[in-house]
Amino acid sequence: MALTHLNLTSGRTVDLSRISFSSTYSGLIEGYPCRRLNDAKLTHLLTAARRDSALPAHLIEPVRHLPDVPAPGGPFGPVEELPPVICTATLYSNPVDPDLDTVDHYSGLTVVWFQDTLTVPTHEDTEHPLLGLPWDDLATDLEL
């Protein structure tokens, strides 16, 4: 059973079946957030999502913030921050292939994105980044 249903801008309805949250910079003991660290984090998150699921994985590119700081940064360049919450979700929908029946087939996708608050997207959200997913290009069809 889905936690919530989302209506994508394409008109497709998807079910959010699983979601996990984590802190973007959890475990950052030394150093500071910078482009190099953030690029490595994005690569790691997408690799982990692909490893941990039989579904294809997609990363919604986060907004990168360059805060107003008096110093230009340190040895790794300027400070660059990602939103504080990492979200990883499993989404399901009807099959992408219109020739497949909806009784025995479905489509699925794992999505990773960042957000500012610890909230679950709902059908009431009108500007959530998940809503613009090109589902038919990213998801894969599966059989029960």
N, C-alpha and C. Protein backbone atom coordinates (compact mmCIF):
# COMPACT_ATOMS: atom_id res chain seq x y z
N MET A 1 0.84 -1.17 0.00
CA MET A 1 0.00 0.00 0.00
C MET A 1 0.89 1.24 0.00
N ALA A 2 0.51 2.21 -0.77
CA ALA A 2 1.31 3.43 -0.92
C ALA A 2 1.18 4.34 0.30
N LEU A 3 2.26 5.07 0.57
CA LEU A 3 2.23 6.10 1.60
C LEU A 3 1.43 7.31 1.12
N THR A 4 1.58 7.61 -0.16
CA THR A 4 0.85 8.71 -0.78
C THR A 4 0.86 8.52 -2.29
N HIS A 5 0.00 9.24 -2.96
CA HIS A 5 -0.08 9.22 -4.42
C HIS A 5 0.30 10.61 -4.92
N LEU A 6 1.05 10.65 -6.01
CA LEU A 6 1.45 11.92 -6.60
C LEU A 6 0.99 11.96 -8.05
N ASN A 7 0.50 13.10 -8.48
CA ASN A 7 0.09 13.30 -9.87
C ASN A 7 1.18 14.09 -10.58
N LEU A 8 1.92 13.40 -11.45
CA LEU A 8 3.00 14.04 -12.19
C LEU A 8 2.44 15.02 -13.20
N THR A 9 3.26 15.96 -13.61
CA THR A 9 2.81 16.95 -14.60
C THR A 9 2.48 16.30 -15.94
N SER A 10 2.99 15.10 -16.18
CA SER A 10 2.68 14.37 -17.41
C SER A 10 1.28 13.79 -17.39
N GLY A 11 0.64 13.81 -16.21
CA GLY A 11 -0.69 13.21 -16.06
C GLY A 11 -0.66 11.84 -15.42
N ARG A 12 0.51 11.25 -15.30
CA ARG A 12 0.65 9.93 -14.68
C ARG A 12 0.54 10.04 -13.17
N THR A 13 -0.12 9.07 -12.54
CA THR A 13 -0.18 8.97 -11.09
C THR A 13 0.85 7.93 -10.64
N VAL A 14 1.65 8.29 -9.64
CA VAL A 14 2.63 7.35 -9.08
C VAL A 14 2.35 7.19 -7.59
N ASP A 15 2.70 6.01 -7.09
CA ASP A 15 2.57 5.70 -5.68
C ASP A 15 3.93 5.79 -5.01
N LEU A 16 4.03 6.57 -3.96
CA LEU A 16 5.24 6.63 -3.16
C LEU A 16 5.12 5.52 -2.13
N SER A 17 5.94 4.48 -2.26
CA SER A 17 5.81 3.30 -1.41
C SER A 17 6.83 3.24 -0.29
N ARG A 18 7.97 3.89 -0.49
CA ARG A 18 9.02 3.86 0.53
C ARG A 18 9.80 5.16 0.44
N ILE A 19 10.17 5.70 1.60
CA ILE A 19 10.97 6.93 1.61
C ILE A 19 11.91 6.88 2.81
N SER A 20 13.11 7.38 2.62
CA SER A 20 14.05 7.51 3.73
C SER A 20 14.67 8.90 3.67
N PHE A 21 15.02 9.39 4.84
CA PHE A 21 15.61 10.72 4.98
C PHE A 21 16.96 10.59 5.67
N SER A 22 17.89 11.45 5.30
CA SER A 22 19.15 11.53 6.02
C SER A 22 19.67 12.96 5.93
N SER A 23 20.59 13.27 6.81
CA SER A 23 21.18 14.60 6.85
C SER A 23 22.26 14.70 5.77
N THR A 24 22.25 15.76 5.02
CA THR A 24 23.18 15.91 3.91
C THR A 24 24.63 15.83 4.36
N TYR A 25 24.97 16.48 5.44
CA TYR A 25 26.37 16.51 5.86
C TYR A 25 26.62 15.70 7.13
N SER A 26 25.80 14.70 7.37
CA SER A 26 26.02 13.80 8.50
C SER A 26 27.39 13.14 8.34
N GLY A 27 28.17 13.16 9.38
CA GLY A 27 29.49 12.53 9.34
C GLY A 27 30.60 13.43 8.86
N LEU A 28 30.29 14.65 8.48
CA LEU A 28 31.34 15.59 8.05
C LEU A 28 32.02 16.13 9.31
N ILE A 29 33.15 15.55 9.63
CA ILE A 29 33.86 15.90 10.87
C ILE A 29 34.87 17.01 10.62
N GLU A 30 35.55 16.93 9.50
CA GLU A 30 36.55 17.95 9.17
C GLU A 30 36.23 18.54 7.80
N GLY A 31 36.74 19.70 7.57
CA GLY A 31 36.53 20.34 6.28
C GLY A 31 35.23 21.12 6.25
N TYR A 32 34.74 21.37 5.07
CA TYR A 32 33.54 22.18 4.89
C TYR A 32 32.89 21.77 3.58
N PRO A 33 31.60 22.06 3.42
CA PRO A 33 30.95 21.70 2.17
C PRO A 33 31.47 22.55 1.01
N CYS A 34 31.92 21.89 -0.03
CA CYS A 34 32.44 22.56 -1.21
C CYS A 34 32.04 21.75 -2.44
N ARG A 35 32.29 22.27 -3.62
CA ARG A 35 31.87 21.61 -4.86
C ARG A 35 32.43 20.18 -4.95
N ARG A 36 33.69 20.00 -4.66
CA ARG A 36 34.30 18.67 -4.76
C ARG A 36 33.61 17.66 -3.85
N LEU A 37 33.37 18.06 -2.61
CA LEU A 37 32.69 17.18 -1.65
C LEU A 37 31.26 16.90 -2.12
N ASN A 38 30.56 17.92 -2.58
CA ASN A 38 29.17 17.74 -3.02
C ASN A 38 29.09 16.85 -4.26
N ASP A 39 30.00 17.03 -5.21
CA ASP A 39 30.00 16.17 -6.40
C ASP A 39 30.21 14.71 -6.01
N ALA A 40 31.13 14.46 -5.08
CA ALA A 40 31.37 13.09 -4.61
C ALA A 40 30.14 12.53 -3.91
N LYS A 41 29.47 13.36 -3.13
CA LYS A 41 28.26 12.93 -2.42
C LYS A 41 27.17 12.54 -3.41
N LEU A 42 26.96 13.34 -4.44
CA LEU A 42 25.93 13.04 -5.44
C LEU A 42 26.23 11.73 -6.16
N THR A 43 27.49 11.53 -6.53
CA THR A 43 27.89 10.28 -7.19
C THR A 43 27.65 9.10 -6.27
N HIS A 44 28.03 9.23 -5.00
CA HIS A 44 27.84 8.15 -4.04
C HIS A 44 26.36 7.83 -3.84
N LEU A 45 25.53 8.84 -3.71
CA LEU A 45 24.10 8.62 -3.49
C LEU A 45 23.45 7.88 -4.66
N LEU A 46 23.79 8.26 -5.88
CA LEU A 46 23.22 7.60 -7.05
C LEU A 46 23.74 6.16 -7.16
N THR A 47 25.01 5.95 -6.89
CA THR A 47 25.58 4.60 -6.92
C THR A 47 24.92 3.72 -5.87
N ALA A 48 24.72 4.24 -4.67
CA ALA A 48 24.08 3.47 -3.59
C ALA A 48 22.63 3.15 -3.93
N ALA A 49 21.92 4.10 -4.52
CA ALA A 49 20.52 3.86 -4.89
C ALA A 49 20.42 2.77 -5.94
N ARG A 50 21.35 2.75 -6.88
CA ARG A 50 21.36 1.70 -7.92
C ARG A 50 21.73 0.35 -7.32
N ARG A 51 22.65 0.35 -6.37
CA ARG A 51 23.09 -0.89 -5.74
C ARG A 51 22.00 -1.49 -4.85
N ASP A 52 21.24 -0.66 -4.18
CA ASP A 52 20.29 -1.13 -3.18
C ASP A 52 18.91 -1.46 -3.72
N SER A 53 18.71 -1.33 -5.02
CA SER A 53 17.38 -1.56 -5.58
C SER A 53 17.50 -2.23 -6.94
N ALA A 54 16.52 -3.05 -7.26
CA ALA A 54 16.46 -3.65 -8.59
C ALA A 54 15.90 -2.67 -9.61
N LEU A 55 15.42 -1.55 -9.14
CA LEU A 55 14.84 -0.53 -10.01
C LEU A 55 15.92 0.42 -10.52
N PRO A 56 15.69 1.07 -11.65
CA PRO A 56 16.62 2.12 -12.05
C PRO A 56 16.56 3.27 -11.04
N ALA A 57 17.63 4.03 -10.96
CA ALA A 57 17.69 5.14 -10.01
C ALA A 57 17.94 6.44 -10.75
N HIS A 58 17.35 7.50 -10.22
CA HIS A 58 17.48 8.83 -10.81
C HIS A 58 17.74 9.84 -9.70
N LEU A 59 18.68 10.73 -9.95
CA LEU A 59 18.99 11.82 -9.02
C LEU A 59 18.45 13.12 -9.59
N ILE A 60 17.61 13.79 -8.83
CA ILE A 60 17.16 15.13 -9.21
C ILE A 60 18.24 16.10 -8.74
N GLU A 61 18.86 16.76 -9.68
CA GLU A 61 19.99 17.65 -9.38
C GLU A 61 19.56 18.71 -8.37
N PRO A 62 20.28 18.82 -7.25
CA PRO A 62 19.89 19.79 -6.22
C PRO A 62 20.36 21.21 -6.55
N VAL A 63 19.72 22.15 -5.90
CA VAL A 63 20.16 23.55 -5.97
C VAL A 63 21.39 23.67 -5.08
N ARG A 64 22.42 24.29 -5.59
CA ARG A 64 23.65 24.50 -4.82
C ARG A 64 23.68 25.96 -4.36
N HIS A 65 23.90 26.14 -3.06
CA HIS A 65 23.90 27.50 -2.49
C HIS A 65 25.33 27.93 -2.20
N LEU A 66 25.66 29.14 -2.59
CA LEU A 66 26.94 29.75 -2.25
C LEU A 66 26.64 30.82 -1.20
N PRO A 67 26.79 30.47 0.09
CA PRO A 67 26.41 31.42 1.13
C PRO A 67 27.33 32.64 1.13
N ASP A 68 26.76 33.73 1.62
CA ASP A 68 27.55 34.95 1.78
C ASP A 68 28.43 34.79 3.00
N VAL A 69 29.69 34.52 2.77
CA VAL A 69 30.64 34.38 3.88
C VAL A 69 31.77 35.38 3.65
N PRO A 70 32.31 35.92 4.73
CA PRO A 70 33.37 36.92 4.57
C PRO A 70 34.64 36.34 3.94
N ALA A 71 34.96 35.08 4.25
CA ALA A 71 36.18 34.47 3.71
C ALA A 71 35.84 33.75 2.40
N PRO A 72 36.79 33.65 1.47
CA PRO A 72 36.52 33.02 0.18
C PRO A 72 36.45 31.49 0.26
N GLY A 73 36.60 30.93 1.43
CA GLY A 73 36.62 29.48 1.56
C GLY A 73 38.00 29.04 1.99
N GLY A 74 38.27 27.78 1.83
CA GLY A 74 39.56 27.26 2.24
C GLY A 74 40.31 26.65 1.07
N PRO A 75 41.11 25.64 1.36
CA PRO A 75 41.95 25.04 0.32
C PRO A 75 41.16 24.31 -0.77
N PHE A 76 39.89 24.03 -0.55
CA PHE A 76 39.09 23.31 -1.54
C PHE A 76 38.17 24.24 -2.32
N GLY A 77 38.38 25.55 -2.18
CA GLY A 77 37.54 26.50 -2.90
C GLY A 77 36.45 27.06 -2.02
N PRO A 78 35.51 27.78 -2.63
CA PRO A 78 34.46 28.42 -1.85
C PRO A 78 33.49 27.42 -1.23
N VAL A 79 32.84 27.87 -0.18
CA VAL A 79 31.80 27.07 0.47
C VAL A 79 30.64 26.93 -0.50
N GLU A 80 30.15 25.70 -0.63
CA GLU A 80 28.97 25.41 -1.45
C GLU A 80 28.10 24.44 -0.67
N GLU A 81 26.86 24.82 -0.43
CA GLU A 81 25.97 23.99 0.39
C GLU A 81 24.81 23.43 -0.43
N LEU A 82 24.47 22.18 -0.11
CA LEU A 82 23.28 21.54 -0.66
C LEU A 82 22.17 21.65 0.37
N PRO A 83 20.92 21.49 -0.02
CA PRO A 83 19.84 21.49 0.97
C PRO A 83 20.11 20.44 2.05
N PRO A 84 19.62 20.65 3.26
CA PRO A 84 20.01 19.83 4.41
C PRO A 84 19.44 18.41 4.48
N VAL A 85 18.42 18.09 3.70
CA VAL A 85 17.78 16.78 3.82
C VAL A 85 17.90 16.01 2.50
N ILE A 86 18.45 14.79 2.59
CA ILE A 86 18.50 13.88 1.44
C ILE A 86 17.30 12.96 1.54
N CYS A 87 16.59 12.80 0.43
CA CYS A 87 15.42 11.91 0.37
C CYS A 87 15.68 10.84 -0.69
N THR A 88 15.37 9.61 -0.34
CA THR A 88 15.44 8.51 -1.30
C THR A 88 14.10 7.81 -1.25
N ALA A 89 13.45 7.66 -2.40
CA ALA A 89 12.10 7.10 -2.42
C ALA A 89 11.97 6.05 -3.52
N THR A 90 11.08 5.11 -3.27
CA THR A 90 10.69 4.11 -4.26
C THR A 90 9.29 4.45 -4.72
N LEU A 91 9.14 4.57 -6.03
CA LEU A 91 7.86 4.95 -6.63
C LEU A 91 7.41 3.86 -7.61
N TYR A 92 6.10 3.64 -7.66
CA TYR A 92 5.52 2.67 -8.59
C TYR A 92 4.35 3.30 -9.33
N SER A 93 4.07 2.77 -10.51
CA SER A 93 2.95 3.24 -11.31
C SER A 93 2.51 2.13 -12.26
N ASN A 94 1.53 2.44 -13.09
CA ASN A 94 1.14 1.50 -14.14
C ASN A 94 2.31 1.32 -15.10
N PRO A 95 2.29 0.26 -15.89
CA PRO A 95 3.41 0.03 -16.81
C PRO A 95 3.58 1.17 -17.81
N VAL A 96 4.82 1.36 -18.22
CA VAL A 96 5.14 2.36 -19.24
C VAL A 96 4.65 1.87 -20.60
N ASP A 97 4.88 0.60 -20.88
CA ASP A 97 4.46 0.01 -22.15
C ASP A 97 2.94 -0.14 -22.15
N PRO A 98 2.25 0.55 -23.04
CA PRO A 98 0.78 0.49 -23.04
C PRO A 98 0.23 -0.88 -23.43
N ASP A 99 1.07 -1.75 -24.00
CA ASP A 99 0.62 -3.09 -24.38
C ASP A 99 0.62 -4.07 -23.21
N LEU A 100 1.20 -3.68 -22.08
CA LEU A 100 1.23 -4.56 -20.91
C LEU A 100 -0.03 -4.33 -20.07
N ASP A 101 -0.56 -5.43 -19.53
CA ASP A 101 -1.76 -5.29 -18.70
C ASP A 101 -1.37 -4.80 -17.31
N THR A 102 -2.28 -4.07 -16.68
CA THR A 102 -2.00 -3.47 -15.37
C THR A 102 -2.26 -4.43 -14.22
N VAL A 103 -2.74 -5.64 -14.53
CA VAL A 103 -2.95 -6.64 -13.48
C VAL A 103 -1.63 -7.31 -13.12
N ASP A 104 -0.85 -7.66 -14.13
CA ASP A 104 0.40 -8.40 -13.91
C ASP A 104 1.66 -7.54 -14.04
N HIS A 105 1.53 -6.30 -14.43
CA HIS A 105 2.70 -5.46 -14.69
C HIS A 105 2.58 -4.10 -14.01
N TYR A 106 3.72 -3.53 -13.73
CA TYR A 106 3.80 -2.20 -13.14
C TYR A 106 5.16 -1.61 -13.52
N SER A 107 5.35 -0.34 -13.28
CA SER A 107 6.65 0.28 -13.51
C SER A 107 7.17 0.83 -12.19
N GLY A 108 8.49 0.94 -12.09
CA GLY A 108 9.08 1.41 -10.85
C GLY A 108 10.33 2.24 -11.08
N LEU A 109 10.65 3.03 -10.07
CA LEU A 109 11.81 3.92 -10.14
C LEU A 109 12.21 4.31 -8.72
N THR A 110 13.51 4.36 -8.48
CA THR A 110 14.05 4.91 -7.24
C THR A 110 14.54 6.32 -7.54
N VAL A 111 14.17 7.27 -6.69
CA VAL A 111 14.53 8.67 -6.92
C VAL A 111 15.22 9.23 -5.68
N VAL A 112 16.29 9.98 -5.91
CA VAL A 112 17.02 10.68 -4.84
C VAL A 112 16.89 12.17 -5.12
N TRP A 113 16.56 12.93 -4.07
CA TRP A 113 16.49 14.39 -4.20
C TRP A 113 16.82 15.03 -2.87
N PHE A 114 16.99 16.33 -2.88
CA PHE A 114 17.30 17.10 -1.68
C PHE A 114 16.16 18.07 -1.42
N GLN A 115 15.94 18.37 -0.13
CA GLN A 115 14.94 19.37 0.22
C GLN A 115 15.33 20.05 1.52
N ASP A 116 14.65 21.14 1.82
CA ASP A 116 14.99 21.95 2.98
C ASP A 116 14.36 21.47 4.28
N THR A 117 13.27 20.72 4.18
CA THR A 117 12.56 20.29 5.38
C THR A 117 12.34 18.78 5.36
N LEU A 118 12.01 18.27 6.52
CA LEU A 118 11.76 16.84 6.70
C LEU A 118 10.27 16.56 6.50
N THR A 119 9.84 16.59 5.23
CA THR A 119 8.43 16.38 4.92
C THR A 119 8.29 15.36 3.80
N VAL A 120 7.20 14.62 3.85
CA VAL A 120 6.87 13.65 2.81
C VAL A 120 6.04 14.36 1.75
N PRO A 121 6.40 14.22 0.48
CA PRO A 121 5.57 14.85 -0.55
C PRO A 121 4.17 14.24 -0.57
N THR A 122 3.18 15.04 -0.89
CA THR A 122 1.80 14.56 -0.93
C THR A 122 1.14 15.00 -2.24
N HIS A 123 -0.06 14.50 -2.45
CA HIS A 123 -0.82 14.86 -3.65
C HIS A 123 -1.18 16.35 -3.67
N GLU A 124 -1.06 17.01 -2.53
CA GLU A 124 -1.38 18.44 -2.45
C GLU A 124 -0.22 19.33 -2.91
N ASP A 125 0.98 18.76 -2.99
CA ASP A 125 2.14 19.54 -3.45
C ASP A 125 1.97 19.90 -4.92
N THR A 126 2.22 21.14 -5.25
CA THR A 126 2.07 21.56 -6.64
C THR A 126 3.40 21.92 -7.30
N GLU A 127 4.45 22.06 -6.49
CA GLU A 127 5.74 22.45 -7.06
C GLU A 127 6.87 21.53 -6.62
N HIS A 128 6.57 20.34 -6.15
CA HIS A 128 7.61 19.41 -5.72
C HIS A 128 8.41 18.94 -6.92
N PRO A 129 9.74 18.79 -6.78
CA PRO A 129 10.55 18.36 -7.92
C PRO A 129 10.17 16.98 -8.47
N LEU A 130 9.57 16.13 -7.66
CA LEU A 130 9.14 14.82 -8.16
C LEU A 130 8.09 14.93 -9.26
N LEU A 131 7.29 15.97 -9.21
CA LEU A 131 6.16 16.09 -10.13
C LEU A 131 6.59 16.22 -11.59
N GLY A 132 7.79 16.70 -11.82
CA GLY A 132 8.27 16.87 -13.19
C GLY A 132 9.05 15.69 -13.74
N LEU A 133 9.08 14.58 -13.01
CA LEU A 133 9.84 13.41 -13.48
C LEU A 133 9.37 12.95 -14.86
N PRO A 134 10.29 12.74 -15.79
CA PRO A 134 9.92 12.14 -17.08
C PRO A 134 9.81 10.62 -16.91
N TRP A 135 8.74 10.19 -16.26
CA TRP A 135 8.57 8.80 -15.83
C TRP A 135 8.80 7.80 -16.96
N ASP A 136 8.20 8.03 -18.09
CA ASP A 136 8.29 7.06 -19.19
C ASP A 136 9.72 6.88 -19.68
N ASP A 137 10.58 7.87 -19.49
CA ASP A 137 11.98 7.77 -19.90
C ASP A 137 12.86 7.13 -18.83
N LEU A 138 12.44 7.19 -17.57
CA LEU A 138 13.31 6.76 -16.47
C LEU A 138 12.92 5.42 -15.85
N ALA A 139 11.63 5.15 -15.75
CA ALA A 139 11.15 3.96 -15.04
C ALA A 139 11.29 2.71 -15.90
N THR A 140 11.21 1.57 -15.25
CA THR A 140 11.26 0.30 -15.96
C THR A 140 10.01 -0.49 -15.65
N ASP A 141 9.57 -1.29 -16.61
CA ASP A 141 8.41 -2.15 -16.41
C ASP A 141 8.84 -3.45 -15.75
N LEU A 142 7.99 -3.93 -14.85
CA LEU A 142 8.25 -5.17 -14.12
C LEU A 142 7.00 -6.03 -14.15
N GLU A 143 7.22 -7.32 -13.93
CA GLU A 143 6.10 -8.27 -13.90
C GLU A 143 5.98 -8.84 -12.51
N LEU A 144 4.74 -9.02 -12.05
CA LEU A 144 4.52 -9.61 -10.73
C LEU A 144 5.01 -11.04 -10.69
